[in-house]
Amino acid sequence: MISILTAFKGMAMGIAETIPGVSGGTIAFITGIYENLLGSIKAFKPSLIKTWKEEGIKSVWKEINGNFLFSLLGGMVIGIGIGIVAVEKLLESYPPVVWAFFFGLIIASIIYVGKQVTKWDLGPIVSLILGIGIAFGITLLPIGQVNESLPFVFLCGAIAVSALILPGISGSFILLIMGMYSYILHDTLKEGLLTNHESGALITMVVFGLGMIVGLVTMARFLTWALQKYNNITLALLTGFMIGALNKLWPWSIPEKVMDANDNIVDFAIGLEYDKVITSSSVSPTQYFENFGQPHFLIPSILFFILGIVLVLGLDKFSPNKTES
């Protein structure tokens, strides 16, 4: 049976994963489905074949929590479509407001996840600092060049989806660093497959999908083990990831390097048309208006920042630590 609530949570994860700097794993964590998601992914193992042969498909469906996964993945597919079209349009017209909303989400998420650590001794503190350093460092990495070879596409799928289930690390931003964000989401998925129905695009997306499956199962097993054996240390690390990611989410930032319509990385100039911001510098709202020549939307940004915090704290208050099936 399809769960509408789970589908909406999957939709939120899908939207988040299309935006460089925002992690679907964070959405999964704050909506109370994180451990259930890891458990369902972990259930995919060779023994499922034996279960299918001996007990039938219903037993397999129950073991992988099929209703939950079907609802979640269906929502994610819809969310990715919304993110590619609608959210990108909003980012073009009201960037400070959109980023302020996500900034509020992450600030509250840091509090939410940090509260799950039962004891802040040396191990969790070191883990927190390490997480901050890793995530912050990732936001500063230079952008790579496009590599269309299928083995590299497979590797991108495995790495990006691993980041998907890590709160604070954006799978789409990892793709951007690897030089494959525009190639996978725009050139291959949106233009090649959905618009022009190209067979080559289908092959590329299948290979990318296979890489995602391998990376997802591997990372889910590792995280499940880590949360069971080293719960406080792992949660502190995930909290650090989110703190470090804040560098990428500051609402008022001026582009420095951008990706133009031909996927070339060039210096930003006012009036230049571009698809993606590659590097930027954080400034005050006033500097944003003076130097960028765009409205800073200060009041709406503050309101949506508060809305982001309220949404997370509301989930924490009314449905803490609940899993779904």
Protein backbone atom coordinates (compact mmCIF):
# COMPACT_ATOMS: atom_id res chain seq x y z
CA MET A 1 0.00 0.00 0.00
CA ILE A 2 1.32 3.43 -0.99
CA SER A 3 2.02 5.83 1.87
CA ILE A 4 1.25 9.41 0.80
CA LEU A 5 3.29 10.81 3.73
CA THR A 6 6.34 8.74 2.78
CA ALA A 7 5.92 9.79 -0.86
CA PHE A 8 5.95 13.46 0.18
CA LYS A 9 9.13 12.86 2.18
CA GLY A 10 10.66 11.18 -0.86
CA MET A 11 9.59 14.16 -2.95
CA ALA A 12 11.42 16.48 -0.55
CA MET A 13 14.52 14.28 -0.81
CA GLY A 14 14.33 14.35 -4.61
CA ILE A 15 14.04 18.12 -4.73
CA ALA A 16 16.97 18.48 -2.32
CA GLU A 17 19.19 16.24 -4.42
CA THR A 18 18.84 18.42 -7.52
CA ILE A 19 20.27 21.44 -5.67
CA PRO A 20 24.06 21.56 -5.19
CA GLY A 21 24.73 22.07 -1.49
CA VAL A 22 21.53 20.46 -0.15
CA SER A 23 21.53 16.82 0.99
CA GLY A 24 18.66 14.39 0.62
CA GLY A 25 20.16 12.49 3.55
CA THR A 26 19.46 15.48 5.77
CA ILE A 27 15.81 15.45 4.71
CA ALA A 28 15.61 11.72 5.45
CA PHE A 29 17.09 12.26 8.90
CA ILE A 30 14.85 15.12 9.98
CA THR A 31 11.69 13.43 8.67
CA GLY A 32 12.32 10.32 10.77
CA ILE A 33 12.91 7.80 7.97
CA TYR A 34 16.73 7.64 7.98
CA GLU A 35 17.30 4.38 9.82
CA ASN A 36 14.34 2.75 8.11
CA LEU A 37 15.81 3.76 4.76
CA LEU A 38 19.20 2.29 5.65
CA GLY A 39 17.57 -0.93 6.83
CA SER A 40 15.55 -1.32 3.63
CA ILE A 41 18.59 -0.75 1.43
CA LYS A 42 20.68 -3.13 3.53
CA ALA A 43 18.06 -5.84 2.95
CA PHE A 44 19.14 -6.11 -0.68
CA LYS A 45 21.55 -9.04 -0.52
CA PRO A 46 22.13 -12.39 -2.31
CA SER A 47 20.01 -14.26 0.25
CA LEU A 48 16.94 -12.53 -1.23
CA ILE A 49 17.18 -14.96 -4.15
CA LYS A 50 16.85 -17.90 -1.75
CA THR A 51 13.93 -16.18 -0.01
CA TRP A 52 12.22 -15.68 -3.36
CA LYS A 53 12.66 -19.31 -4.40
CA GLU A 54 11.54 -20.77 -1.07
CA GLU A 55 8.93 -18.28 0.17
CA GLY A 56 7.88 -16.27 -2.87
CA ILE A 57 7.84 -12.65 -3.89
CA LYS A 58 5.63 -11.56 -0.98
CA SER A 59 8.32 -12.55 1.51
CA VAL A 60 10.93 -10.66 -0.50
CA TRP A 61 8.68 -7.58 -0.59
CA LYS A 62 8.20 -7.77 3.17
CA GLU A 63 11.93 -8.23 3.85
CA ILE A 64 12.92 -5.13 1.88
CA ASN A 65 9.96 -3.15 3.27
CA GLY A 66 8.67 -2.79 -0.27
CA ASN A 67 5.71 -0.52 0.48
CA PHE A 68 8.01 2.00 2.14
CA LEU A 69 10.61 1.89 -0.65
CA PHE A 70 8.03 2.06 -3.43
CA SER A 71 6.37 5.10 -1.87
CA LEU A 72 9.68 6.81 -1.15
CA LEU A 73 11.23 6.20 -4.57
CA GLY A 74 8.05 7.24 -6.36
CA GLY A 75 8.09 10.50 -4.43
CA MET A 76 11.79 11.01 -5.16
CA VAL A 77 11.24 10.64 -8.91
CA ILE A 78 8.52 13.31 -8.78
CA GLY A 79 10.73 15.50 -6.56
CA ILE A 80 13.67 15.30 -8.95
CA GLY A 81 11.39 16.40 -11.79
CA ILE A 82 10.11 19.33 -9.71
CA GLY A 83 13.65 20.23 -8.66
CA ILE A 84 14.99 20.24 -12.22
CA VAL A 85 12.20 22.53 -13.46
CA ALA A 86 10.55 24.54 -10.68
CA VAL A 87 13.25 24.95 -8.04
CA GLU A 88 15.84 25.98 -10.63
CA LYS A 89 13.43 28.67 -11.82
CA LEU A 90 12.97 29.91 -8.26
CA LEU A 91 16.73 30.00 -7.77
CA GLU A 92 17.03 32.13 -10.88
CA SER A 93 14.41 34.66 -9.70
CA TYR A 94 14.69 34.59 -5.87
CA PRO A 95 18.05 33.02 -4.96
CA PRO A 96 18.48 34.57 -1.47
CA VAL A 97 14.99 33.46 -0.42
CA VAL A 98 15.47 29.86 -1.56
CA TRP A 99 18.94 29.58 0.00
CA ALA A 100 17.70 31.20 3.24
CA PHE A 101 15.01 28.53 3.49
CA PHE A 102 17.56 25.73 3.10
CA PHE A 103 19.93 27.51 5.48
CA GLY A 104 17.19 27.46 8.10
CA LEU A 105 16.52 23.79 7.43
CA ILE A 106 20.15 22.88 7.99
CA ILE A 107 20.59 25.05 11.11
CA ALA A 108 17.63 23.32 12.76
CA SER A 109 18.82 19.93 11.47
CA ILE A 110 22.17 20.44 13.17
CA ILE A 111 20.36 20.97 16.45
CA TYR A 112 18.09 17.98 15.76
CA VAL A 113 20.88 15.52 14.93
CA GLY A 114 23.24 16.90 17.58
CA LYS A 115 20.62 16.23 20.26
CA GLN A 116 20.72 12.53 19.35
CA VAL A 117 24.29 12.32 20.71
CA THR A 118 23.85 11.08 24.28
CA LYS A 119 27.37 11.92 25.51
CA TRP A 120 29.78 14.51 24.13
CA ASP A 121 33.12 13.06 25.19
CA LEU A 122 36.43 13.04 23.27
CA GLY A 123 35.33 10.64 20.51
CA PRO A 124 32.22 12.56 19.37
CA ILE A 125 34.01 15.92 19.67
CA VAL A 126 36.88 14.76 17.43
CA SER A 127 34.34 13.22 15.05
CA LEU A 128 32.39 16.50 14.93
CA ILE A 129 35.51 18.49 14.06
CA LEU A 130 36.48 15.93 11.40
CA GLY A 131 33.01 16.11 9.85
CA ILE A 132 33.12 19.91 9.74
CA GLY A 133 36.54 19.82 8.08
CA ILE A 134 35.54 17.23 5.46
CA ALA A 135 32.28 18.95 4.45
CA PHE A 136 33.81 22.44 4.46
CA GLY A 137 36.73 21.18 2.38
CA ILE A 138 34.36 19.60 -0.16
CA THR A 139 32.60 22.95 -0.66
CA LEU A 140 35.98 24.48 -1.61
CA LEU A 141 37.05 21.82 -4.11
CA PRO A 142 37.57 22.90 -7.73
CA ILE A 143 35.11 21.72 -10.36
CA GLY A 144 36.22 18.87 -12.61
CA GLN A 145 35.80 18.42 -16.35
CA VAL A 146 33.18 16.28 -18.08
CA ASN A 147 34.18 12.65 -18.70
CA GLU A 148 31.56 10.76 -20.71
CA SER A 149 33.14 7.29 -20.44
CA LEU A 150 30.73 4.72 -19.02
CA PRO A 151 33.11 3.47 -16.27
CA PHE A 152 33.41 7.04 -14.98
CA VAL A 153 29.64 7.48 -15.21
CA PHE A 154 29.26 4.32 -13.09
CA LEU A 155 31.76 5.68 -10.53
CA CYS A 156 29.91 9.02 -10.40
CA GLY A 157 26.65 7.22 -9.67
CA ALA A 158 28.23 5.23 -6.83
CA ILE A 159 29.89 8.25 -5.21
CA ALA A 160 26.99 10.67 -5.66
CA VAL A 161 24.41 8.30 -4.18
CA SER A 162 26.71 7.59 -1.24
CA ALA A 163 26.65 11.31 -0.56
CA LEU A 164 22.85 11.27 -0.97
CA ILE A 165 22.39 9.33 2.28
CA LEU A 166 25.02 11.29 4.19
CA PRO A 167 23.38 14.30 5.91
CA GLY A 168 25.20 17.51 5.02
CA ILE A 169 26.92 16.21 1.87
CA SER A 170 25.04 16.93 -1.35
CA GLY A 171 25.05 14.26 -4.03
CA SER A 172 24.42 16.85 -6.73
CA PHE A 173 27.32 18.96 -5.45
CA ILE A 174 29.58 15.89 -5.65
CA LEU A 175 28.48 15.52 -9.28
CA LEU A 176 29.31 19.19 -9.82
CA ILE A 177 32.81 18.69 -8.38
CA MET A 178 33.31 15.66 -10.65
CA GLY A 179 32.26 17.78 -13.64
CA MET A 180 29.19 15.64 -14.31
CA TYR A 181 26.23 17.58 -12.86
CA SER A 182 25.12 19.28 -16.07
CA TYR A 183 26.01 16.26 -18.22
CA ILE A 184 23.94 13.80 -16.15
CA LEU A 185 20.93 15.91 -15.10
CA HIS A 186 20.58 18.27 -18.04
CA ASP A 187 22.27 16.87 -21.14
CA THR A 188 21.53 13.19 -20.57
CA LEU A 189 18.39 12.98 -18.40
CA LYS A 190 16.42 16.10 -19.34
CA GLU A 191 17.47 16.69 -22.96
CA GLY A 192 18.74 13.31 -24.15
CA LEU A 193 16.27 10.94 -22.50
CA LEU A 194 13.11 12.84 -21.53
CA THR A 195 13.03 15.28 -24.47
CA ASN A 196 14.70 13.52 -27.41
CA HIS A 197 14.41 9.86 -26.28
CA GLU A 198 17.98 9.04 -27.33
CA SER A 199 19.17 5.43 -26.92
CA GLY A 200 22.64 6.62 -25.92
CA ALA A 201 21.17 8.68 -23.12
CA LEU A 202 19.23 5.64 -21.91
CA ILE A 203 22.43 3.56 -21.77
CA THR A 204 24.22 6.31 -19.85
CA MET A 205 21.41 6.59 -17.31
CA VAL A 206 21.26 2.80 -16.88
CA VAL A 207 25.01 2.69 -16.15
CA PHE A 208 24.65 5.65 -13.78
CA GLY A 209 21.76 3.85 -12.09
CA LEU A 210 23.79 0.67 -11.64
CA GLY A 211 26.53 2.72 -10.01
CA MET A 212 23.92 4.24 -7.70
CA ILE A 213 22.68 0.79 -6.67
CA VAL A 214 26.20 -0.43 -5.82
CA GLY A 215 27.07 2.75 -3.91
CA LEU A 216 23.75 2.83 -2.09
CA VAL A 217 23.94 -0.76 -0.82
CA THR A 218 27.59 -0.38 0.19
CA MET A 219 27.14 2.91 2.06
CA ALA A 220 23.90 1.76 3.72
CA ARG A 221 25.63 -1.32 5.15
CA PHE A 222 28.51 0.77 6.44
CA LEU A 223 26.28 3.40 8.04
CA THR A 224 24.03 0.78 9.64
CA TRP A 225 27.09 -0.89 11.16
CA ALA A 226 28.52 2.46 12.30
CA LEU A 227 25.27 3.57 13.94
CA GLN A 228 25.00 0.25 15.77
CA LYS A 229 28.62 0.07 16.96
CA TYR A 230 29.59 3.73 17.33
CA ASN A 231 26.29 5.62 17.55
CA ASN A 232 27.50 8.82 19.24
CA ILE A 233 30.62 9.11 17.11
CA THR A 234 28.67 8.53 13.89
CA LEU A 235 25.94 11.03 14.80
CA ALA A 236 28.58 13.61 15.74
CA LEU A 237 30.27 13.06 12.36
CA LEU A 238 26.96 13.56 10.54
CA THR A 239 26.35 16.72 12.58
CA GLY A 240 29.77 17.99 11.55
CA PHE A 241 28.97 17.30 7.90
CA MET A 242 25.96 19.60 8.13
CA ILE A 243 27.87 22.37 9.93
CA GLY A 244 30.59 22.29 7.26
CA ALA A 245 28.00 22.39 4.49
CA LEU A 246 26.65 25.74 5.71
CA ASN A 247 29.48 27.42 3.81
CA LYS A 248 27.70 26.47 0.59
CA LEU A 249 24.24 27.64 1.69
CA TRP A 250 24.71 31.27 2.79
CA PRO A 251 21.84 33.16 1.09
CA TRP A 252 23.84 36.16 -0.12
CA SER A 253 26.81 35.20 -2.22
CA ILE A 254 28.35 36.75 -5.31
CA PRO A 255 29.35 34.36 -8.13
CA GLU A 256 33.03 34.19 -9.03
CA LYS A 257 33.17 31.28 -11.47
CA VAL A 258 30.08 30.16 -13.40
CA MET A 259 29.15 27.50 -15.97
CA ASP A 260 27.81 29.01 -19.19
CA ALA A 261 25.29 27.48 -21.60
CA ASN A 262 28.09 25.53 -23.33
CA ASP A 263 29.29 24.01 -20.02
CA ASN A 264 32.40 26.19 -20.04
CA ILE A 265 33.61 27.51 -16.67
CA VAL A 266 34.17 31.27 -16.97
CA ASP A 267 34.59 34.33 -14.74
CA PHE A 268 31.30 35.87 -13.69
CA ALA A 269 30.32 39.30 -14.98
CA ILE A 270 27.06 41.21 -14.41
CA GLY A 271 24.79 40.60 -17.39
CA LEU A 272 26.41 37.26 -18.26
CA GLU A 273 23.94 34.41 -18.79
CA TYR A 274 24.96 31.21 -16.99
CA ASP A 275 23.53 27.85 -15.92
CA LYS A 276 25.34 27.12 -12.64
CA VAL A 277 27.41 28.96 -10.06
CA ILE A 278 30.69 27.10 -9.57
CA THR A 279 32.42 29.22 -6.92
CA SER A 280 31.15 32.22 -4.99
CA SER A 281 32.01 34.49 -2.09
CA SER A 282 29.66 35.14 0.83
CA VAL A 283 28.74 38.79 1.47
CA SER A 284 26.24 40.83 3.47
CA PRO A 285 22.79 41.59 1.97
CA THR A 286 23.87 45.18 1.37
CA GLN A 287 27.03 44.12 -0.48
CA TYR A 288 24.98 41.64 -2.46
CA PHE A 289 22.73 44.43 -3.71
CA GLU A 290 25.57 46.89 -4.36
CA ASN A 291 27.97 44.49 -6.12
CA PHE A 292 25.63 41.98 -7.76
CA GLY A 293 22.94 44.43 -8.80
CA GLN A 294 20.16 42.10 -7.70
CA PRO A 295 17.46 42.59 -4.99
CA HIS A 296 18.59 41.12 -1.69
CA PHE A 297 15.05 40.13 -0.58
CA LEU A 298 16.08 40.63 3.05
CA ILE A 299 12.64 40.40 4.71
CA PRO A 300 11.38 37.42 2.65
CA SER A 301 14.71 35.66 3.23
CA ILE A 302 14.43 36.10 7.00
CA LEU A 303 10.86 34.82 6.94
CA PHE A 304 11.77 31.73 4.91
CA PHE A 305 14.83 31.14 7.11
CA ILE A 306 12.46 31.04 10.11
CA LEU A 307 10.08 28.81 8.16
CA GLY A 308 12.87 26.32 7.54
CA ILE A 309 13.69 26.19 11.24
CA VAL A 310 10.04 25.86 12.24
CA LEU A 311 9.48 22.97 9.82
CA VAL A 312 12.35 20.93 11.26
CA LEU A 313 11.57 21.71 14.89
CA GLY A 314 7.95 20.86 14.19
CA LEU A 315 8.96 17.46 12.88
CA ASP A 316 11.18 17.01 15.92
CA LYS A 317 8.33 17.91 18.29
CA PHE A 318 5.43 16.04 16.74
CA SER A 319 7.09 12.97 15.22
CA PRO A 320 10.52 12.44 16.81
CA ASN A 321 12.44 9.27 16.05
CA LYS A 322 9.50 7.63 14.26
CA THR A 323 10.04 5.24 11.42
CA GLU A 324 7.53 4.23 8.78
CA SER A 325 6.65 1.06 7.02
